[in-house]
């Protein structure tokens, strides 16, 4: 459960932290009011995607799910072997 909590926290922080740092730098140094002005809208809209990424993070940390995922991803091995045929009928 701790691992899932850390994964969810990491997802949230990795998306929210850059925007927060840009805003903090702009507030601390008024001379740097143009710092990150081009990237800030992208980070603003990226925060909406946390909800979309959350199920993938949670599913990635379920240990009972991984064997099923690997089973689906395995390719069937095609075996090449000779086929024995028996000739039908014929008379002699």
PDB file of N, CA and C in Angstrom:
ATOM      1  N   UNK A   1       0.818  -1.179   0.000  1.00  0.00           N
ATOM      2  CA  UNK A   1       0.000   0.000   0.000  1.00  0.00           C
ATOM      3  C   UNK A   1       0.877   1.265   0.000  1.00  0.00           C
ATOM      4  N   UNK A   2       1.998   1.174   0.659  1.00  0.00           N
ATOM      5  CA  UNK A   2       2.922   2.314   0.684  1.00  0.00           C
ATOM      6  C   UNK A   2       3.471   2.577  -0.713  1.00  0.00           C
ATOM      7  N   UNK A   3       3.733   1.512  -1.456  1.00  0.00           N
ATOM      8  CA  UNK A   3       4.264   1.678  -2.813  1.00  0.00           C
ATOM      9  C   UNK A   3       3.236   2.364  -3.704  1.00  0.00           C
ATOM     10  N   UNK A   4       1.976   2.002  -3.559  1.00  0.00           N
ATOM     11  CA  UNK A   4       0.934   2.654  -4.358  1.00  0.00           C
ATOM     12  C   UNK A   4       0.804   4.120  -3.978  1.00  0.00           C
ATOM     13  N   UNK A   5       0.886   4.415  -2.702  1.00  0.00           N
ATOM     14  CA  UNK A   5       0.820   5.804  -2.255  1.00  0.00           C
ATOM     15  C   UNK A   5       1.987   6.614  -2.804  1.00  0.00           C
ATOM     16  N   UNK A   6       3.181   6.030  -2.781  1.00  0.00           N
ATOM     17  CA  UNK A   6       4.343   6.723  -3.331  1.00  0.00           C
ATOM     18  C   UNK A   6       4.204   6.930  -4.838  1.00  0.00           C
ATOM     19  N   UNK A   7       3.649   5.953  -5.538  1.00  0.00           N
ATOM     20  CA  UNK A   7       3.472   6.097  -6.987  1.00  0.00           C
ATOM     21  C   UNK A   7       2.471   7.198  -7.310  1.00  0.00           C
ATOM     22  N   UNK A   8       1.381   7.261  -6.570  1.00  0.00           N
ATOM     23  CA  UNK A   8       0.374   8.301  -6.802  1.00  0.00           C
ATOM     24  C   UNK A   8       0.946   9.673  -6.444  1.00  0.00           C
ATOM     25  N   UNK A   9       1.698   9.746  -5.360  1.00  0.00           N
ATOM     26  CA  UNK A   9       2.312  11.020  -4.957  1.00  0.00           C
ATOM     27  C   UNK A   9       3.342  11.481  -5.986  1.00  0.00           C
ATOM     28  N   UNK A  10       4.116  10.544  -6.498  1.00  0.00           N
ATOM     29  CA  UNK A  10       5.116  10.894  -7.502  1.00  0.00           C
ATOM     30  C   UNK A  10       4.457  11.416  -8.771  1.00  0.00           C
ATOM     31  N   UNK A  11       3.372  10.788  -9.180  1.00  0.00           N
ATOM     32  CA  UNK A  11       2.643  11.265 -10.356  1.00  0.00           C
ATOM     33  C   UNK A  11       2.138  12.682 -10.139  1.00  0.00           C
ATOM     34  N   UNK A  12       1.534  12.905  -8.997  1.00  0.00           N
ATOM     35  CA  UNK A  12       0.978  14.223  -8.715  1.00  0.00           C
ATOM     36  C   UNK A  12       2.074  15.286  -8.601  1.00  0.00           C
ATOM     37  N   UNK A  13       3.146  14.969  -7.905  1.00  0.00           N
ATOM     38  CA  UNK A  13       4.230  15.943  -7.748  1.00  0.00           C
ATOM     39  C   UNK A  13       4.964  16.217  -9.054  1.00  0.00           C
ATOM     40  N   UNK A  14       5.131  15.192  -9.879  1.00  0.00           N
ATOM     41  CA  UNK A  14       5.865  15.408 -11.122  1.00  0.00           C
ATOM     42  C   UNK A  14       5.110  16.317 -12.078  1.00  0.00           C
ATOM     43  N   UNK A  15       3.802  16.410 -11.925  1.00  0.00           N
ATOM     44  CA  UNK A  15       3.028  17.291 -12.791  1.00  0.00           C
ATOM     45  C   UNK A  15       2.799  18.651 -12.142  1.00  0.00           C
ATOM     46  N   UNK A  16       2.581  18.694 -10.846  1.00  0.00           N
ATOM     47  CA  UNK A  16       2.284  19.961 -10.171  1.00  0.00           C
ATOM     48  C   UNK A  16       3.525  20.757  -9.760  1.00  0.00           C
ATOM     49  N   UNK A  17       4.628  20.089  -9.504  1.00  0.00           N
ATOM     50  CA  UNK A  17       5.821  20.779  -9.004  1.00  0.00           C
ATOM     51  C   UNK A  17       6.404  21.791  -9.992  1.00  0.00           C
ATOM     52  N   UNK A  18       6.530  21.490 -11.289  1.00  0.00           N
ATOM     53  CA  UNK A  18       7.091  22.513 -12.189  1.00  0.00           C
ATOM     54  C   UNK A  18       6.261  23.795 -12.232  1.00  0.00           C
ATOM     55  N   UNK A  19       4.951  23.661 -12.265  1.00  0.00           N
ATOM     56  CA  UNK A  19       4.098  24.854 -12.282  1.00  0.00           C
ATOM     57  C   UNK A  19       4.244  25.628 -10.976  1.00  0.00           C
ATOM     58  N   UNK A  20       4.317  24.937  -9.871  1.00  0.00           N
ATOM     59  CA  UNK A  20       4.477  25.610  -8.584  1.00  0.00           C
ATOM     60  C   UNK A  20       5.818  26.329  -8.487  1.00  0.00           C
ATOM     61  N   UNK A  21       6.872  25.711  -9.024  1.00  0.00           N
ATOM     62  CA  UNK A  21       8.179  26.367  -8.995  1.00  0.00           C
ATOM     63  C   UNK A  21       8.205  27.614  -9.861  1.00  0.00           C
ATOM     64  N   UNK A  22       7.563  27.562 -11.006  1.00  0.00           N
ATOM     65  CA  UNK A  22       7.499  28.750 -11.867  1.00  0.00           C
ATOM     66  C   UNK A  22       6.776  29.883 -11.155  1.00  0.00           C
ATOM     67  N   UNK A  23       5.649  29.579 -10.541  1.00  0.00           N
ATOM     68  CA  UNK A  23       4.899  30.614  -9.820  1.00  0.00           C
ATOM     69  C   UNK A  23       5.676  31.147  -8.618  1.00  0.00           C
ATOM     70  N   UNK A  24       6.386  30.271  -7.926  1.00  0.00           N
ATOM     71  CA  UNK A  24       7.177  30.697  -6.767  1.00  0.00           C
ATOM     72  C   UNK A  24       8.307  31.625  -7.189  1.00  0.00           C
ATOM     73  N   UNK A  25       9.000  31.289  -8.259  1.00  0.00           N
ATOM     74  CA  UNK A  25      10.100  32.140  -8.738  1.00  0.00           C
ATOM     75  C   UNK A  25       9.565  33.489  -9.200  1.00  0.00           C
ATOM     76  N   UNK A  26       8.401  33.487  -9.846  1.00  0.00           N
ATOM     77  CA  UNK A  26       7.812  34.755 -10.281  1.00  0.00           C
ATOM     78  C   UNK A  26       7.403  35.618  -9.091  1.00  0.00           C
ATOM     79  N   UNK A  27       6.970  35.013  -8.000  1.00  0.00           N
ATOM     80  CA  UNK A  27       6.562  35.772  -6.818  1.00  0.00           C
ATOM     81  C   UNK A  27       7.760  36.283  -6.022  1.00  0.00           C
ATOM     82  N   UNK A  28       8.806  35.487  -5.932  1.00  0.00           N
ATOM     83  CA  UNK A  28       9.984  35.880  -5.133  1.00  0.00           C
ATOM     84  C   UNK A  28      10.773  36.971  -5.833  1.00  0.00           C
ATOM     85  N   UNK A  29      11.012  36.824  -7.120  1.00  0.00           N
ATOM     86  CA  UNK A  29      11.801  37.791  -7.878  1.00  0.00           C
ATOM     87  C   UNK A  29      10.892  38.511  -8.871  1.00  0.00           C
ATOM     88  N   UNK A  30      10.447  39.705  -8.521  1.00  0.00           N
ATOM     89  CA  UNK A  30       9.576  40.443  -9.458  1.00  0.00           C
ATOM     90  C   UNK A  30      10.268  40.782 -10.774  1.00  0.00           C
ATOM     91  N   UNK A  31      11.595  40.814 -10.767  1.00  0.00           N
ATOM     92  CA  UNK A  31      12.301  41.111 -12.018  1.00  0.00           C
ATOM     93  C   UNK A  31      12.220  39.940 -12.988  1.00  0.00           C
ATOM     94  N   UNK A  32      11.931  38.763 -12.471  1.00  0.00           N
ATOM     95  CA  UNK A  32      11.806  37.577 -13.322  1.00  0.00           C
ATOM     96  C   UNK A  32      10.341  37.245 -13.591  1.00  0.00           C
ATOM     97  N   UNK A  33       9.539  38.277 -13.787  1.00  0.00           N
ATOM     98  CA  UNK A  33       8.110  38.042 -13.998  1.00  0.00           C
ATOM     99  C   UNK A  33       7.831  37.331 -15.322  1.00  0.00           C
ATOM    100  N   UNK A  34       8.790  37.343 -16.236  1.00  0.00           N
ATOM    101  CA  UNK A  34       8.617  36.648 -17.516  1.00  0.00           C
ATOM    102  C   UNK A  34       9.186  35.234 -17.488  1.00  0.00           C
ATOM    103  N   UNK A  35       9.668  34.808 -16.338  1.00  0.00           N
ATOM    104  CA  UNK A  35      10.262  33.467 -16.228  1.00  0.00           C
ATOM    105  C   UNK A  35       9.188  32.396 -16.428  1.00  0.00           C
ATOM    106  N   UNK A  36       9.383  31.525 -17.395  1.00  0.00           N
ATOM    107  CA  UNK A  36       8.476  30.411 -17.637  1.00  0.00           C
ATOM    108  C   UNK A  36       7.122  30.796 -18.174  1.00  0.00           C
ATOM    109  N   UNK A  37       7.018  31.988 -18.733  1.00  0.00           N
ATOM    110  CA  UNK A  37       5.716  32.470 -19.206  1.00  0.00           C
ATOM    111  C   UNK A  37       5.210  31.636 -20.388  1.00  0.00           C
ATOM    112  N   UNK A  38       6.141  31.071 -21.184  1.00  0.00           N
ATOM    113  CA  UNK A  38       5.725  30.258 -22.328  1.00  0.00           C
ATOM    114  C   UNK A  38       5.283  28.863 -21.899  1.00  0.00           C
ATOM    115  N   UNK A  39       5.898  28.320 -20.861  1.00  0.00           N
ATOM    116  CA  UNK A  39       5.611  26.946 -20.433  1.00  0.00           C
ATOM    117  C   UNK A  39       4.448  26.862 -19.449  1.00  0.00           C
ATOM    118  N   UNK A  40       4.120  27.942 -18.794  1.00  0.00           N
ATOM    119  CA  UNK A  40       3.098  27.918 -17.747  1.00  0.00           C
ATOM    120  C   UNK A  40       1.721  27.454 -18.238  1.00  0.00           C
ATOM    121  N   UNK A  41       1.241  27.864 -19.406  1.00  0.00           N
ATOM    122  CA  UNK A  41      -0.065  27.341 -19.857  1.00  0.00           C
ATOM    123  C   UNK A  41      -0.068  25.830 -20.074  1.00  0.00           C
ATOM    124  N   UNK A  42       1.059  25.287 -20.527  1.00  0.00           N
ATOM    125  CA  UNK A  42       1.128  23.846 -20.739  1.00  0.00           C
ATOM    126  C   UNK A  42       1.040  23.099 -19.412  1.00  0.00           C
ATOM    127  N   UNK A  43       1.728  23.592 -18.398  1.00  0.00           N
ATOM    128  CA  UNK A  43       1.662  22.956 -17.081  1.00  0.00           C
ATOM    129  C   UNK A  43       0.284  23.114 -16.465  1.00  0.00           C
ATOM    130  N   UNK A  44      -0.377  24.231 -16.746  1.00  0.00           N
ATOM    131  CA  UNK A  44      -1.714  24.447 -16.215  1.00  0.00           C
ATOM    132  C   UNK A  44      -2.687  23.395 -16.740  1.00  0.00           C
ATOM    133  N   UNK A  45      -2.634  23.108 -18.029  1.00  0.00           N
ATOM    134  CA  UNK A  45      -3.537  22.126 -18.606  1.00  0.00           C
ATOM    135  C   UNK A  45      -3.082  20.697 -18.354  1.00  0.00           C
ATOM    136  N   UNK A  46      -1.800  20.498 -18.093  1.00  0.00           N
ATOM    137  CA  UNK A  46      -1.289  19.163 -17.796  1.00  0.00           C
ATOM    138  C   UNK A  46      -1.811  18.641 -16.458  1.00  0.00           C
ATOM    139  N   UNK A  47      -2.156  19.534 -15.556  1.00  0.00           N
ATOM    140  CA  UNK A  47      -2.683  19.093 -14.262  1.00  0.00           C
ATOM    141  C   UNK A  47      -4.023  18.378 -14.408  1.00  0.00           C
ATOM    142  N   UNK A  48      -4.745  18.629 -15.474  1.00  0.00           N
ATOM    143  CA  UNK A  48      -6.005  17.923 -15.698  1.00  0.00           C
ATOM    144  C   UNK A  48      -5.784  16.459 -16.058  1.00  0.00           C
ATOM    145  N   UNK A  49      -4.612  16.116 -16.537  1.00  0.00           N
ATOM    146  CA  UNK A  49      -4.339  14.751 -16.966  1.00  0.00           C
ATOM    147  C   UNK A  49      -3.944  13.828 -15.818  1.00  0.00           C
ATOM    148  N   UNK A  50      -3.782  14.342 -14.625  1.00  0.00           N
ATOM    149  CA  UNK A  50      -3.468  13.479 -13.483  1.00  0.00           C
ATOM    150  C   UNK A  50      -4.565  12.438 -13.308  1.00  0.00           C
ATOM    151  N   UNK A  51      -5.786  12.852 -13.469  1.00  0.00           N
ATOM    152  CA  UNK A  51      -6.919  11.944 -13.298  1.00  0.00           C
ATOM    153  C   UNK A  51      -6.898  10.853 -14.364  1.00  0.00           C
ATOM    154  N   UNK A  52      -6.436  11.178 -15.566  1.00  0.00           N
ATOM    155  CA  UNK A  52      -6.387  10.180 -16.625  1.00  0.00           C
ATOM    156  C   UNK A  52      -5.234   9.204 -16.453  1.00  0.00           C
ATOM    157  N   UNK A  53      -4.115   9.649 -15.893  1.00  0.00           N
ATOM    158  CA  UNK A  53      -2.960   8.783 -15.696  1.00  0.00           C
ATOM    159  C   UNK A  53      -3.082   7.915 -14.447  1.00  0.00           C
ATOM    160  N   UNK A  54      -3.934   8.297 -13.529  1.00  0.00           N
ATOM    161  CA  UNK A  54      -4.044   7.606 -12.248  1.00  0.00           C
ATOM    162  C   UNK A  54      -4.418   6.128 -12.376  1.00  0.00           C
ATOM    163  N   UNK A  55      -5.374   5.724 -13.216  1.00  0.00           N
ATOM    164  CA  UNK A  55      -5.671   4.289 -13.317  1.00  0.00           C
ATOM    165  C   UNK A  55      -4.486   3.459 -13.814  1.00  0.00           C
ATOM    166  N   UNK A  56      -3.686   4.015 -14.716  1.00  0.00           N
ATOM    167  CA  UNK A  56      -2.533   3.271 -15.213  1.00  0.00           C
ATOM    168  C   UNK A  56      -1.480   3.094 -14.127  1.00  0.00           C
ATOM    169  N   UNK A  57      -1.310   4.088 -13.285  1.00  0.00           N
ATOM    170  CA  UNK A  57      -0.365   3.973 -12.177  1.00  0.00           C
ATOM    171  C   UNK A  57      -0.845   2.925 -11.186  1.00  0.00           C
ATOM    172  N   UNK A  58      -2.130   2.942 -10.887  1.00  0.00           N
ATOM    173  CA  UNK A  58      -2.674   1.968  -9.935  1.00  0.00           C
ATOM    174  C   UNK A  58      -2.620   0.550 -10.494  1.00  0.00           C
ATOM    175  N   UNK A  59      -2.962   0.367 -11.752  1.00  0.00           N
ATOM    176  CA  UNK A  59      -2.906  -0.961 -12.359  1.00  0.00           C
ATOM    177  C   UNK A  59      -1.479  -1.472 -12.488  1.00  0.00           C
ATOM    178  N   UNK A  60      -0.544  -0.569 -12.649  1.00  0.00           N
ATOM    179  CA  UNK A  60       0.849  -0.971 -12.757  1.00  0.00           C
ATOM    180  C   UNK A  60       1.425  -1.503 -11.468  1.00  0.00           C
ATOM    181  N   UNK A  61       0.788  -1.236 -10.342  1.00  0.00           N
ATOM    182  CA  UNK A  61       1.293  -1.684  -9.053  1.00  0.00           C
ATOM    183  C   UNK A  61       0.468  -2.807  -8.445  1.00  0.00           C
ATOM    184  N   UNK A  62      -0.314  -3.497  -9.264  1.00  0.00           N
ATOM    185  CA  UNK A  62      -1.057  -4.661  -8.784  1.00  0.00           C
ATOM    186  C   UNK A  62      -0.278  -5.920  -9.156  1.00  0.00           C
ATOM    187  N   UNK A  63       0.304  -6.615  -8.190  1.00  0.00           N
ATOM    188  CA  UNK A  63       1.158  -7.766  -8.521  1.00  0.00           C
ATOM    189  C   UNK A  63       0.387  -8.936  -9.130  1.00  0.00           C
ATOM    190  N   UNK A  64      -0.883  -9.100  -8.798  1.00  0.00           N
ATOM    191  CA  UNK A  64      -1.629 -10.221  -9.358  1.00  0.00           C
ATOM    192  C   UNK A  64      -2.029  -9.981 -10.810  1.00  0.00           C
ATOM    193  N   UNK A  65      -1.884  -8.768 -11.301  1.00  0.00           N
ATOM    194  CA  UNK A  65      -2.254  -8.458 -12.673  1.00  0.00           C
ATOM    195  C   UNK A  65      -1.126  -8.727 -13.660  1.00  0.00           C
ATOM    196  N   UNK A  66       0.117  -8.627 -13.206  1.00  0.00           N
ATOM    197  CA  UNK A  66       1.253  -8.735 -14.119  1.00  0.00           C
ATOM    198  C   UNK A  66       1.358 -10.083 -14.814  1.00  0.00           C
ATOM    199  N   UNK A  67       1.126 -11.234 -14.163  1.00  0.00           N
ATOM    200  CA  UNK A  67       1.198 -12.496 -14.929  1.00  0.00           C
ATOM    201  C   UNK A  67       0.177 -12.558 -16.056  1.00  0.00           C
ATOM    202  N   UNK A  68      -0.999 -11.989 -15.853  1.00  0.00           N
ATOM    203  CA  UNK A  68      -2.015 -11.983 -16.904  1.00  0.00           C
ATOM    204  C   UNK A  68      -1.591 -11.088 -18.066  1.00  0.00           C
ATOM    205  N   UNK A  69      -0.964  -9.969 -17.761  1.00  0.00           N
ATOM    206  CA  UNK A  69      -0.519  -9.054 -18.810  1.00  0.00           C
ATOM    207  C   UNK A  69       0.592  -9.699 -19.629  1.00  0.00           C
ATOM    208  N   UNK A  70       1.538 -10.357 -18.952  1.00  0.00           N
ATOM    209  CA  UNK A  70       2.622 -11.013 -19.678  1.00  0.00           C
ATOM    210  C   UNK A  70       2.100 -12.186 -20.504  1.00  0.00           C
ATOM    211  N   UNK A  71       1.073 -12.868 -20.013  1.00  0.00           N
ATOM    212  CA  UNK A  71       0.503 -13.977 -20.765  1.00  0.00           C
ATOM    213  C   UNK A  71      -0.140 -13.474 -22.054  1.00  0.00           C
ATOM    214  N   UNK A  72      -0.787 -12.323 -22.004  1.00  0.00           N
ATOM    215  CA  UNK A  72      -1.418 -11.780 -23.197  1.00  0.00           C
ATOM    216  C   UNK A  72      -0.405 -11.258 -24.202  1.00  0.00           C
ATOM    217  N   UNK A  73       0.740 -10.812 -23.708  1.00  0.00           N
ATOM    218  CA  UNK A  73       1.739 -10.219 -24.590  1.00  0.00           C
ATOM    219  C   UNK A  73       2.638 -11.254 -25.261  1.00  0.00           C
ATOM    220  N   UNK A  74       2.640 -12.481 -24.758  1.00  0.00           N
ATOM    221  CA  UNK A  74       3.507 -13.495 -25.345  1.00  0.00           C
ATOM    222  C   UNK A  74       2.966 -13.919 -26.702  1.00  0.00           C
ATOM    223  N   UNK A  75       3.860 -14.105 -27.612  1.00  0.00           N
ATOM    224  CA  UNK A  75       3.480 -14.581 -28.942  1.00  0.00           C
ATOM    225  C   UNK A  75       3.545 -16.103 -28.948  1.00  0.00           C
ATOM    226  N   UNK A  76       2.678 -16.661 -29.717  1.00  0.00           N
ATOM    227  CA  UNK A  76       2.741 -18.109 -29.883  1.00  0.00           C
ATOM    228  C   UNK A  76       3.919 -18.448 -30.783  1.00  0.00           C
ATOM    229  N   UNK A  77       4.622 -19.466 -30.383  1.00  0.00           N
ATOM    230  CA  UNK A  77       5.737 -19.910 -31.207  1.00  0.00           C
ATOM    231  C   UNK A  77       5.201 -20.876 -32.251  1.00  0.00           C
ATOM    232  N   UNK A  78       5.520 -20.582 -33.467  1.00  0.00           N
ATOM    233  CA  UNK A  78       5.088 -21.461 -34.541  1.00  0.00           C
ATOM    234  C   UNK A  78       6.164 -22.509 -34.767  1.00  0.00           C
ATOM    235  N   UNK A  79       5.734 -23.730 -34.726  1.00  0.00           N
ATOM    236  CA  UNK A  79       6.677 -24.824 -34.899  1.00  0.00           C
ATOM    237  C   UNK A  79       6.560 -25.355 -36.324  1.00  0.00           C
ATOM    238  N   UNK A  80       7.686 -25.505 -36.925  1.00  0.00           N
ATOM    239  CA  UNK A  80       7.730 -26.066 -38.270  1.00  0.00           C
ATOM    240  C   UNK A  80       8.120 -27.523 -38.130  1.00  0.00           C
ATOM    241  N   UNK A  81       7.278 -28.395 -38.635  1.00  0.00           N
ATOM    242  CA  UNK A  81       7.577 -29.819 -38.553  1.00  0.00           C
ATOM    243  C   UNK A  81       6.993 -30.502 -39.784  1.00  0.00           C
ATOM    244  N   UNK A  82       7.547 -31.627 -40.139  1.00  0.00           N
ATOM    245  CA  UNK A  82       7.036 -32.349 -41.307  1.00  0.00           C
ATOM    246  C   UNK A  82       5.683 -32.995 -40.991  1.00  0.00           C
ATOM    247  N   UNK A  83       4.849 -33.066 -41.999  1.00  0.00           N
ATOM    248  CA  UNK A  83       3.550 -33.700 -41.854  1.00  0.00           C
ATOM    249  C   UNK A  83       3.563 -34.988 -42.648  1.00  0.00           C
ATOM    250  N   UNK A  84       3.145 -36.055 -41.999  1.00  0.00           N
ATOM    251  CA  UNK A  84       3.119 -37.341 -42.663  1.00  0.00           C
ATOM    252  C   UNK A  84       1.741 -37.544 -43.283  1.00  0.00           C
ATOM    253  N   UNK A  85       1.719 -37.799 -44.548  1.00  0.00           N
ATOM    254  CA  UNK A  85       0.447 -38.039 -45.212  1.00  0.00           C
ATOM    255  C   UNK A  85       0.379 -39.468 -45.686  1.00  0.00           C
ATOM    256  N   UNK A  86      -0.794 -40.016 -45.688  1.00  0.00           N
ATOM    257  CA  UNK A  86      -0.999 -41.384 -46.147  1.00  0.00           C
ATOM    258  C   UNK A  86      -1.776 -41.311 -47.436  1.00  0.00           C
ATOM    259  N   UNK A  87      -1.251 -41.916 -48.434  1.00  0.00           N
ATOM    260  CA  UNK A  87      -1.909 -41.907 -49.740  1.00  0.00           C
ATOM    261  C   UNK A  87      -3.186 -42.755 -49.654  1.00  0.00           C
ATOM    262  N   UNK A  88      -4.255 -42.227 -50.197  1.00  0.00           N
ATOM    263  CA  UNK A  88      -5.529 -42.933 -50.127  1.00  0.00           C
ATOM    264  C   UNK A  88      -5.662 -43.966 -51.225  1.00  0.00           C
ATOM    265  N   UNK A  89      -6.299 -45.048 -50.871  1.00  0.00           N
ATOM    266  CA  UNK A  89      -6.712 -46.082 -51.834  1.00  0.00           C
ATOM    267  C   UNK A  89      -5.591 -46.601 -52.699  1.00  0.00           C
ATOM    268  N   UNK A  90      -5.784 -46.503 -53.941  1.00  0.00           N
ATOM    269  CA  UNK A  90      -4.817 -47.043 -54.898  1.00  0.00           C
ATOM    270  C   UNK A  90      -4.813 -48.564 -54.868  1.00  0.00           C
ATOM    271  N   UNK A  91      -4.570 -49.146 -55.824  1.00  0.00           N
ATOM    272  CA  UNK A  91      -4.580 -50.587 -55.766  1.00  0.00           C
ATOM    273  C   UNK A  91      -3.366 -51.163 -56.436  1.00  0.00           C
ATOM    274  N   UNK A  92      -2.988 -52.181 -55.939  1.00  0.00           N
ATOM    275  CA  UNK A  92      -1.912 -52.892 -56.599  1.00  0.00           C
ATOM    276  C   UNK A  92      -2.063 -54.353 -56.284  1.00  0.00           C
TER     277      UNK A  92
END
